[in-house]
């Protein structure tokens, strides 16, 4: 009897375990399905993710924002095929593209609050990119935008927009583009400034480089550098330009006679690729400019040190005059002020000497300043702890620009001044 009871208990326990396992599996499966619907599927660069058919993109403040619309057809798993690319615009807009069944869609919001979005099919007749093409590069910055694509036959094309991506036009290019070509824009100080298009030949035997200019009809300008005045030396451009350092807008580029010899020389441009000089010449220019600047600073400071203490107040800390009585005549004040106008002309392109259209003089209580006594790169300083009754003598030209001089009405010293206008 006891054996029968034991067997019944064991069987009941076994059945209970199976029942609990089935319930657990059921709840686990349903919970997994529920979580999968809520799961965030990120792109590789984390700039956007999908969640249950909703699309969230990363804005310039590093926050995810939802894009209006249904994006259930998108598959992040295809990202490695470069079907999805995104670009965070530092000016506040967000734009990216994705590919579904050979059709390419551009999604963008150029408004700072991301309330207005637009989805445009790039493979439509209106835009003109062939179906099944590959986007190699896309960029929208300010009013201008560029799209570089390669069609399924390996032929490249470039579209340009001057309307923030609202409308696109094909750029007429007098040379062929292939999958080896590269389009690149350099970013500096939060700005997209200089762009370049690299065009290697199919066999790689040569490579040309073109500078991009947004503001002219000639979008691509071929770069052709003569190396050390040797017109027989054919230079090729296998390396994209880059900025020389963190503090300069100068562009540096390695060029050579072949791909293997591409570091034969480094050239530098200081004007967006219009003129190129060797890196050696560039640093010689920089040193010469530094020497000239050092000389300018030295001469300016010597000019300040040479101010006549009988005319200009130089020691403001010890300027203790008990009286504010007017002891200087108006005529004498004008004569003294002319010394100040002569001195100001050395600092501000003849301001004060040639400004004879209008001339004013009045007495006001003013605080002295270091308009004449500040050294190069020193800050303006107003000595507000001192108040002096002074003649304010000003001269103004017909453009509304001019200089004013403070002449202390008691001591006759020039205690400051300033410039006004543009």
Protein backbone atom coordinates (compact mmCIF):
# COMPACT_ATOMS: atom_id res chain seq x y z
CA UNK A 1 0.00 0.00 0.00
CA UNK A 2 2.78 2.34 0.96
CA UNK A 3 4.58 1.59 -2.31
CA UNK A 4 1.47 2.51 -4.32
CA UNK A 5 1.13 5.82 -2.47
CA UNK A 6 4.80 6.59 -3.07
CA UNK A 7 4.41 5.90 -6.78
CA UNK A 8 1.32 8.14 -6.98
CA UNK A 9 3.20 10.95 -5.21
CA UNK A 10 6.21 10.61 -7.54
CA UNK A 11 3.95 10.60 -10.63
CA UNK A 12 1.99 13.62 -9.37
CA UNK A 13 5.25 15.46 -8.65
CA UNK A 14 6.55 14.64 -12.13
CA UNK A 15 3.30 15.85 -13.75
CA UNK A 16 3.46 19.06 -11.65
CA UNK A 17 7.04 19.72 -12.75
CA UNK A 18 6.10 19.26 -16.41
CA UNK A 19 3.10 21.57 -15.94
CA UNK A 20 5.20 24.24 -14.29
CA UNK A 21 7.82 23.96 -17.04
CA UNK A 22 5.15 24.42 -19.71
CA UNK A 23 3.76 27.47 -17.94
CA UNK A 24 7.28 28.87 -17.50
CA UNK A 25 8.09 28.29 -21.18
CA UNK A 26 4.83 29.95 -22.20
CA UNK A 27 5.45 33.04 -20.11
CA UNK A 28 9.13 33.18 -21.14
CA UNK A 29 8.23 32.99 -24.83
CA UNK A 30 5.56 35.66 -24.56
CA UNK A 31 7.84 37.90 -22.49
CA UNK A 32 10.60 37.46 -25.07
CA UNK A 33 8.21 38.42 -27.87
CA UNK A 34 7.04 41.42 -25.88
CA UNK A 35 10.61 42.54 -25.18
CA UNK A 36 11.65 42.01 -28.79
CA UNK A 37 8.93 44.43 -29.82
CA UNK A 38 10.32 46.98 -27.37
CA UNK A 39 13.97 46.23 -28.08
CA UNK A 40 16.03 49.08 -29.51
CA UNK A 41 17.91 47.95 -32.62
CA UNK A 42 20.81 50.38 -33.07
CA UNK A 43 22.80 51.21 -36.17
CA UNK A 44 26.50 50.46 -35.89
CA UNK A 45 27.45 54.10 -35.32
CA UNK A 46 24.61 54.58 -32.78
CA UNK A 47 23.28 57.57 -34.74
CA UNK A 48 19.80 56.04 -35.00
CA UNK A 49 17.78 53.04 -33.83
CA UNK A 50 14.50 51.24 -34.60
CA UNK A 51 11.92 50.23 -32.04
CA UNK A 52 8.69 48.51 -33.07
CA UNK A 53 8.58 50.32 -36.42
CA UNK A 54 9.46 53.70 -34.94
CA UNK A 55 12.68 55.50 -35.90
CA UNK A 56 14.77 57.57 -33.51
CA UNK A 57 17.79 59.60 -34.66
CA UNK A 58 20.57 61.29 -32.70
CA UNK A 59 20.50 65.08 -32.87
CA UNK A 60 23.40 67.53 -32.52
CA UNK A 61 22.79 67.70 -28.76
CA UNK A 62 23.33 63.92 -28.50
CA UNK A 63 19.65 63.25 -27.76
CA UNK A 64 17.48 60.73 -29.63
CA UNK A 65 14.41 62.21 -31.28
CA UNK A 66 11.57 60.38 -33.04
CA UNK A 67 11.09 60.77 -36.78
CA UNK A 68 7.44 60.95 -37.83
CA UNK A 69 6.26 58.03 -39.97
CA UNK A 70 6.28 54.24 -40.11
CA UNK A 71 9.72 52.69 -40.67
CA UNK A 72 8.81 49.04 -40.12
CA UNK A 73 10.35 48.10 -43.50
CA UNK A 74 13.81 49.22 -42.43
CA UNK A 75 16.23 46.48 -41.44
CA UNK A 76 19.23 47.57 -39.40
CA UNK A 77 20.80 44.15 -40.01
CA UNK A 78 21.55 45.29 -43.57
CA UNK A 79 23.62 48.20 -42.28
CA UNK A 80 26.92 46.52 -43.16
CA UNK A 81 25.83 46.69 -46.82
CA UNK A 82 25.90 50.50 -46.43
CA UNK A 83 22.17 50.72 -47.00
CA UNK A 84 21.92 53.10 -44.08
CA UNK A 85 24.07 56.14 -43.48
CA UNK A 86 23.46 59.13 -41.30
CA UNK A 87 25.07 62.50 -40.78
CA UNK A 88 24.55 64.82 -37.83
CA UNK A 89 24.60 68.38 -39.06
CA UNK A 90 26.41 70.63 -36.57
CA UNK A 91 24.18 73.56 -37.54
CA UNK A 92 21.24 71.82 -35.90
CA UNK A 93 19.71 69.68 -38.66
CA UNK A 94 19.66 65.90 -38.98
CA UNK A 95 19.68 63.93 -42.22
CA UNK A 96 20.32 60.33 -43.30
CA UNK A 97 19.35 57.95 -46.05
CA UNK A 98 18.26 54.33 -46.28
CA UNK A 99 17.70 51.81 -49.06
CA UNK A 100 14.72 49.48 -49.52
CA UNK A 101 14.41 47.19 -52.54
CA UNK A 102 16.74 49.32 -54.66
CA UNK A 103 14.99 52.58 -53.81
CA UNK A 104 16.88 55.23 -51.82
CA UNK A 105 15.14 57.60 -49.44
CA UNK A 106 16.57 60.76 -47.89
CA UNK A 107 15.07 61.72 -44.54
CA UNK A 108 15.96 65.11 -43.12
CA UNK A 109 15.01 67.83 -40.70
CA UNK A 110 16.94 71.08 -41.04
CA UNK A 111 14.96 72.89 -38.33
CA UNK A 112 16.60 73.36 -34.94
CA UNK A 113 13.59 72.01 -33.03
CA UNK A 114 13.15 68.99 -35.37
CA UNK A 115 9.42 69.58 -35.76
CA UNK A 116 9.45 69.51 -39.57
CA UNK A 117 10.62 66.41 -41.44
CA UNK A 118 10.80 65.50 -45.09
CA UNK A 119 11.25 62.12 -46.76
CA UNK A 120 12.29 62.29 -50.41
CA UNK A 121 12.87 59.39 -52.79
CA UNK A 122 16.25 59.96 -54.42
CA UNK A 123 15.56 57.29 -57.06
CA UNK A 124 12.46 59.12 -58.30
CA UNK A 125 12.30 60.77 -61.73
CA UNK A 126 12.36 64.15 -60.01
CA UNK A 127 15.78 63.58 -58.41
CA UNK A 128 17.21 61.14 -60.93
CA UNK A 129 19.43 58.63 -59.12
CA UNK A 130 19.09 55.25 -60.87
CA UNK A 131 17.54 52.41 -58.89
CA UNK A 132 19.91 49.96 -57.16
CA UNK A 133 22.60 52.63 -56.93
CA UNK A 134 25.02 52.93 -54.03
CA UNK A 135 25.41 56.21 -52.19
CA UNK A 136 29.11 56.90 -51.64
CA UNK A 137 28.79 60.30 -50.01
CA UNK A 138 26.05 62.65 -48.90
CA UNK A 139 26.41 66.04 -47.25
CA UNK A 140 24.03 68.92 -46.53
CA UNK A 141 25.46 72.04 -44.91
CA UNK A 142 23.80 75.43 -44.99
CA UNK A 143 22.08 75.91 -48.33
CA UNK A 144 24.32 73.48 -50.20
CA UNK A 145 24.18 69.72 -50.50
CA UNK A 146 26.03 67.04 -52.49
CA UNK A 147 25.23 63.40 -53.24
CA UNK A 148 27.82 61.15 -54.88
CA UNK A 149 26.41 57.83 -56.12
CA UNK A 150 27.54 54.84 -58.16
CA UNK A 151 24.90 53.04 -60.28
CA UNK A 152 24.69 49.26 -60.70
CA UNK A 153 26.90 49.47 -63.81
CA UNK A 154 29.71 51.16 -61.85
CA UNK A 155 29.15 54.62 -63.35
CA UNK A 156 29.19 57.54 -60.94
CA UNK A 157 27.24 60.78 -60.76
CA UNK A 158 27.00 63.81 -58.49
CA UNK A 159 23.88 65.79 -57.54
CA UNK A 160 24.01 69.29 -56.09
CA UNK A 161 21.40 71.19 -54.09
CA UNK A 162 21.33 74.90 -53.30
CA UNK A 163 18.08 74.61 -51.30
CA UNK A 164 19.11 72.54 -48.25
CA UNK A 165 18.15 69.35 -50.09
CA UNK A 166 14.67 70.40 -51.24
CA UNK A 167 15.67 70.15 -54.91
CA UNK A 168 18.61 68.42 -56.57
CA UNK A 169 20.28 68.93 -59.95
CA UNK A 170 22.80 66.72 -61.67
CA UNK A 171 26.25 68.27 -61.99
CA UNK A 172 27.68 68.15 -65.51
CA UNK A 173 31.15 66.66 -65.13
CA UNK A 174 33.57 66.55 -68.11
CA UNK A 175 35.16 63.32 -66.86
CA UNK A 176 34.01 59.87 -65.81
CA UNK A 177 33.42 58.87 -62.22
CA UNK A 178 33.93 55.34 -60.95
CA UNK A 179 33.78 53.49 -57.65
CA UNK A 180 37.40 54.42 -56.88
CA UNK A 181 36.55 58.12 -56.80
CA UNK A 182 36.15 59.86 -53.46
CA UNK A 183 34.27 62.99 -52.45
CA UNK A 184 35.29 64.65 -49.18
CA UNK A 185 34.58 67.86 -47.29
CA UNK A 186 36.85 69.10 -44.54
CA UNK A 187 35.32 70.32 -41.28
CA UNK A 188 36.98 72.96 -39.12
CA UNK A 189 35.84 75.03 -36.16
CA UNK A 190 32.33 73.60 -36.53
CA UNK A 191 32.16 74.57 -40.20
CA UNK A 192 32.19 72.54 -43.41
CA UNK A 193 34.47 74.61 -45.57
CA UNK A 194 36.67 72.94 -48.19
CA UNK A 195 35.64 70.08 -50.47
CA UNK A 196 37.64 67.88 -52.83
CA UNK A 197 36.89 65.21 -55.43
CA UNK A 198 39.56 62.57 -56.10
CA UNK A 199 39.39 60.87 -59.50
CA UNK A 200 41.80 57.93 -60.00
CA UNK A 201 41.95 56.20 -63.35
CA UNK A 202 40.46 52.69 -63.65
CA UNK A 203 43.90 51.06 -63.70
CA UNK A 204 45.24 53.32 -60.93
CA UNK A 205 48.07 54.64 -63.09
CA UNK A 206 47.15 58.25 -62.37
CA UNK A 207 44.89 60.26 -60.13
CA UNK A 208 43.44 63.75 -60.50
CA UNK A 209 42.10 66.05 -57.80
CA UNK A 210 39.42 68.74 -58.03
CA UNK A 211 38.58 71.48 -55.54
CA UNK A 212 34.87 72.15 -54.98
CA UNK A 213 33.49 75.67 -54.95
CA UNK A 214 29.88 76.16 -53.82
CA UNK A 215 29.57 79.76 -54.93
CA UNK A 216 30.53 79.45 -58.60
CA UNK A 217 29.05 77.79 -61.66
CA UNK A 218 32.28 75.85 -62.08
CA UNK A 219 31.66 73.39 -59.27
CA UNK A 220 34.90 71.43 -59.78
CA UNK A 221 38.25 73.15 -60.35
CA UNK A 222 41.12 70.86 -61.31
CA UNK A 223 44.23 71.14 -59.17
CA UNK A 224 47.43 71.13 -61.19
CA UNK A 225 50.65 71.78 -59.30
CA UNK A 226 53.96 72.36 -61.04
CA UNK A 227 56.64 70.79 -58.90
CA UNK A 228 59.66 73.05 -58.49
CA UNK A 229 58.88 74.67 -61.88
CA UNK A 230 59.48 71.33 -63.60
CA UNK A 231 56.66 71.12 -66.15
CA UNK A 232 57.81 67.66 -67.31
CA UNK A 233 57.20 66.12 -63.89
CA UNK A 234 53.68 64.64 -63.77
CA UNK A 235 52.25 64.75 -60.27
CA UNK A 236 49.34 62.59 -59.17
CA UNK A 237 47.02 62.95 -56.21
CA UNK A 238 46.44 59.70 -54.36
CA UNK A 239 45.87 61.24 -50.94
CA UNK A 240 42.94 63.42 -49.96
CA UNK A 241 43.90 66.80 -48.47
CA UNK A 242 43.47 67.50 -44.76
CA UNK A 243 43.96 70.46 -42.47
CA UNK A 244 47.55 70.99 -41.46
CA UNK A 245 46.94 71.41 -37.73
CA UNK A 246 44.27 72.23 -35.17
CA UNK A 247 44.78 76.00 -35.24
CA UNK A 248 45.11 76.66 -38.97
CA UNK A 249 42.81 76.66 -41.99
CA UNK A 250 45.78 75.69 -44.18
CA UNK A 251 45.27 72.48 -46.19
CA UNK A 252 48.07 69.97 -46.63
CA UNK A 253 48.28 67.30 -49.33
CA UNK A 254 50.83 64.65 -50.30
CA UNK A 255 51.45 64.23 -54.01
CA UNK A 256 53.90 62.26 -56.13
CA UNK A 257 54.65 60.76 -59.50
CA UNK A 258 53.04 57.44 -58.67
CA UNK A 259 50.93 55.83 -55.97
CA UNK A 260 54.01 54.23 -54.44
CA UNK A 261 55.87 57.55 -54.56
CA UNK A 262 52.96 59.60 -53.24
CA UNK A 263 54.92 61.20 -50.41
CA UNK A 264 57.49 62.86 -52.67
CA UNK A 265 56.30 66.29 -51.52
CA UNK A 266 53.73 67.91 -49.26
CA UNK A 267 51.93 70.96 -50.61
CA UNK A 268 49.96 73.50 -48.61
CA UNK A 269 47.14 75.84 -49.62
CA UNK A 270 45.91 78.78 -47.54
CA UNK A 271 43.00 79.70 -49.83
CA UNK A 272 40.83 76.59 -50.24
CA UNK A 273 43.02 74.96 -52.86
CA UNK A 274 43.36 77.88 -55.31
CA UNK A 275 47.12 78.29 -54.84
CA UNK A 276 49.52 75.64 -53.59
CA UNK A 277 53.07 75.99 -52.29
CA UNK A 278 55.48 73.45 -50.85
CA UNK A 279 55.30 72.84 -47.13
CA UNK A 280 58.80 74.29 -46.85
CA UNK A 281 57.65 77.50 -48.51
CA UNK A 282 54.58 77.59 -46.27
CA UNK A 283 56.61 77.49 -43.06
CA UNK A 284 58.98 80.10 -44.45
CA UNK A 285 55.93 82.34 -45.03
CA UNK A 286 54.66 81.69 -41.52
CA UNK A 287 58.04 82.57 -40.01
CA UNK A 288 58.28 85.72 -42.11
CA UNK A 289 54.78 86.76 -41.03
CA UNK A 290 55.69 86.06 -37.40
CA UNK A 291 58.84 88.14 -37.70
CA UNK A 292 56.84 90.96 -39.30
CA UNK A 293 54.20 90.68 -36.60
CA UNK A 294 56.84 90.72 -33.85
CA UNK A 295 58.26 93.87 -35.43
CA UNK A 296 54.80 95.46 -35.58
CA UNK A 297 54.20 94.65 -31.89
CA UNK A 298 57.61 95.97 -30.91
CA UNK A 299 57.16 99.22 -32.86
CA UNK A 300 53.67 99.75 -31.44
CA UNK A 301 54.85 99.30 -27.85
CA UNK A 302 57.80 101.62 -28.45
CA UNK A 303 55.34 104.23 -29.73
CA UNK A 304 53.36 103.95 -26.49
CA UNK A 305 56.52 104.21 -24.37
CA UNK A 306 57.57 107.34 -26.30
CA UNK A 307 54.40 109.31 -25.44
CA UNK A 308 55.23 112.73 -24.01
CA UNK A 309 54.27 112.79 -20.33
CA UNK A 310 53.82 116.56 -20.58
CA UNK A 311 50.94 115.96 -23.04
CA UNK A 312 49.54 112.49 -22.22
CA UNK A 313 48.62 111.13 -18.80
CA UNK A 314 50.52 107.84 -18.41
CA UNK A 315 50.38 107.16 -14.67
CA UNK A 316 46.69 106.90 -13.81
CA UNK A 317 47.25 105.44 -10.35
CA UNK A 318 48.97 108.58 -9.07
CA UNK A 319 46.73 111.12 -10.78
CA UNK A 320 45.48 113.05 -7.78
CA UNK A 321 44.10 116.45 -8.69
CA UNK A 322 42.01 118.04 -5.98
CA UNK A 323 40.45 120.71 -8.15
CA UNK A 324 38.03 120.35 -11.09
CA UNK A 325 38.31 124.03 -11.93
CA UNK A 326 38.39 124.90 -15.63
CA UNK A 327 41.83 126.46 -16.13
CA UNK A 328 42.41 125.56 -19.82
CA UNK A 329 40.81 127.68 -22.50
CA UNK A 330 38.81 126.12 -25.32
CA UNK A 331 41.37 127.28 -27.88
CA UNK A 332 44.20 125.72 -25.89
CA UNK A 333 42.21 122.49 -25.52
CA UNK A 334 41.84 122.24 -29.30
CA UNK A 335 45.59 122.75 -29.70
CA UNK A 336 46.33 120.00 -27.18
CA UNK A 337 43.71 117.70 -28.73
CA UNK A 338 45.43 117.97 -32.11
CA UNK A 339 48.41 116.17 -30.53
CA UNK A 340 46.01 113.38 -29.67
CA UNK A 341 44.57 113.29 -33.19
CA UNK A 342 48.09 112.99 -34.62
CA UNK A 343 48.77 110.08 -32.24
CA UNK A 344 45.47 108.33 -33.02
CA UNK A 345 46.25 108.49 -36.74
CA UNK A 346 49.23 106.18 -36.09
CA UNK A 347 46.85 103.60 -34.63
CA UNK A 348 43.66 103.81 -36.72
CA UNK A 349 44.48 104.45 -40.39
CA UNK A 350 44.76 108.24 -40.25
CA UNK A 351 41.57 108.62 -38.20
CA UNK A 352 41.52 112.07 -36.65
CA UNK A 353 43.89 113.71 -39.14
CA UNK A 354 41.67 113.48 -42.21
CA UNK A 355 38.35 113.67 -40.33
CA UNK A 356 37.52 117.33 -40.94
CA UNK A 357 33.90 117.17 -42.08
CA UNK A 358 32.57 117.83 -38.57
CA UNK A 359 34.35 119.06 -35.45
CA UNK A 360 32.87 119.31 -31.97
CA UNK A 361 34.02 120.47 -28.53
CA UNK A 362 32.18 120.37 -25.22
CA UNK A 363 32.93 120.07 -21.51
CA UNK A 364 31.86 116.89 -19.69
CA UNK A 365 32.81 114.98 -16.56
CA UNK A 366 34.52 111.78 -17.77
CA UNK A 367 36.63 108.88 -16.52
CA UNK A 368 40.12 108.56 -18.02
CA UNK A 369 40.95 105.51 -20.20
CA UNK A 370 44.01 103.85 -21.73
CA UNK A 371 43.15 104.56 -25.38
CA UNK A 372 46.64 106.01 -25.93
CA UNK A 373 48.63 104.12 -23.29
CA UNK A 374 47.56 100.50 -23.76
CA UNK A 375 50.21 98.18 -25.19
CA UNK A 376 49.67 95.78 -28.09
CA UNK A 377 47.00 93.15 -27.26
CA UNK A 378 46.23 94.79 -23.93
CA UNK A 379 42.57 95.22 -23.03
CA UNK A 380 40.74 98.53 -22.90
CA UNK A 381 40.60 99.97 -19.41
CA UNK A 382 38.45 102.78 -18.01
CA UNK A 383 39.51 104.22 -14.65
CA UNK A 384 36.04 104.65 -13.18
CA UNK A 385 37.43 105.64 -9.76
CA UNK A 386 38.56 108.94 -11.32
CA UNK A 387 36.13 111.61 -12.56
CA UNK A 388 37.53 114.69 -14.31
CA UNK A 389 35.92 117.73 -15.90
CA UNK A 390 37.34 117.62 -19.41
CA UNK A 391 37.06 119.02 -22.90
CA UNK A 392 35.72 116.35 -25.26
CA UNK A 393 37.08 117.23 -28.69
CA UNK A 394 35.87 115.12 -31.61
CA UNK A 395 36.35 115.01 -35.37
CA UNK A 396 34.04 113.10 -37.72
CA UNK A 397 34.20 112.35 -41.44
CA UNK A 398 31.33 112.15 -43.92
CA UNK A 399 30.97 108.39 -43.26
CA UNK A 400 30.17 108.96 -39.60
CA UNK A 401 33.57 107.67 -38.41
CA UNK A 402 35.87 109.64 -36.16
CA UNK A 403 37.92 110.08 -32.99
CA UNK A 404 37.35 111.93 -29.74
CA UNK A 405 39.97 113.21 -27.27
CA UNK A 406 39.65 113.91 -23.54
CA UNK A 407 41.61 116.98 -22.43
CA UNK A 408 41.56 117.60 -18.67
CA UNK A 409 40.15 121.11 -18.22
CA UNK A 410 42.33 121.70 -15.14
CA UNK A 411 45.73 120.19 -16.00
CA UNK A 412 45.57 120.29 -19.81
CA UNK A 413 46.72 116.64 -20.05
CA UNK A 414 45.17 114.21 -22.55
CA UNK A 415 43.60 111.61 -20.26
CA UNK A 416 42.02 109.33 -22.88
CA UNK A 417 39.92 109.13 -26.00
CA UNK A 418 38.35 106.69 -28.41
CA UNK A 419 37.12 105.95 -31.91
CA UNK A 420 33.55 105.65 -33.15
CA UNK A 421 31.76 104.53 -36.30
CA UNK A 422 32.41 101.40 -38.40
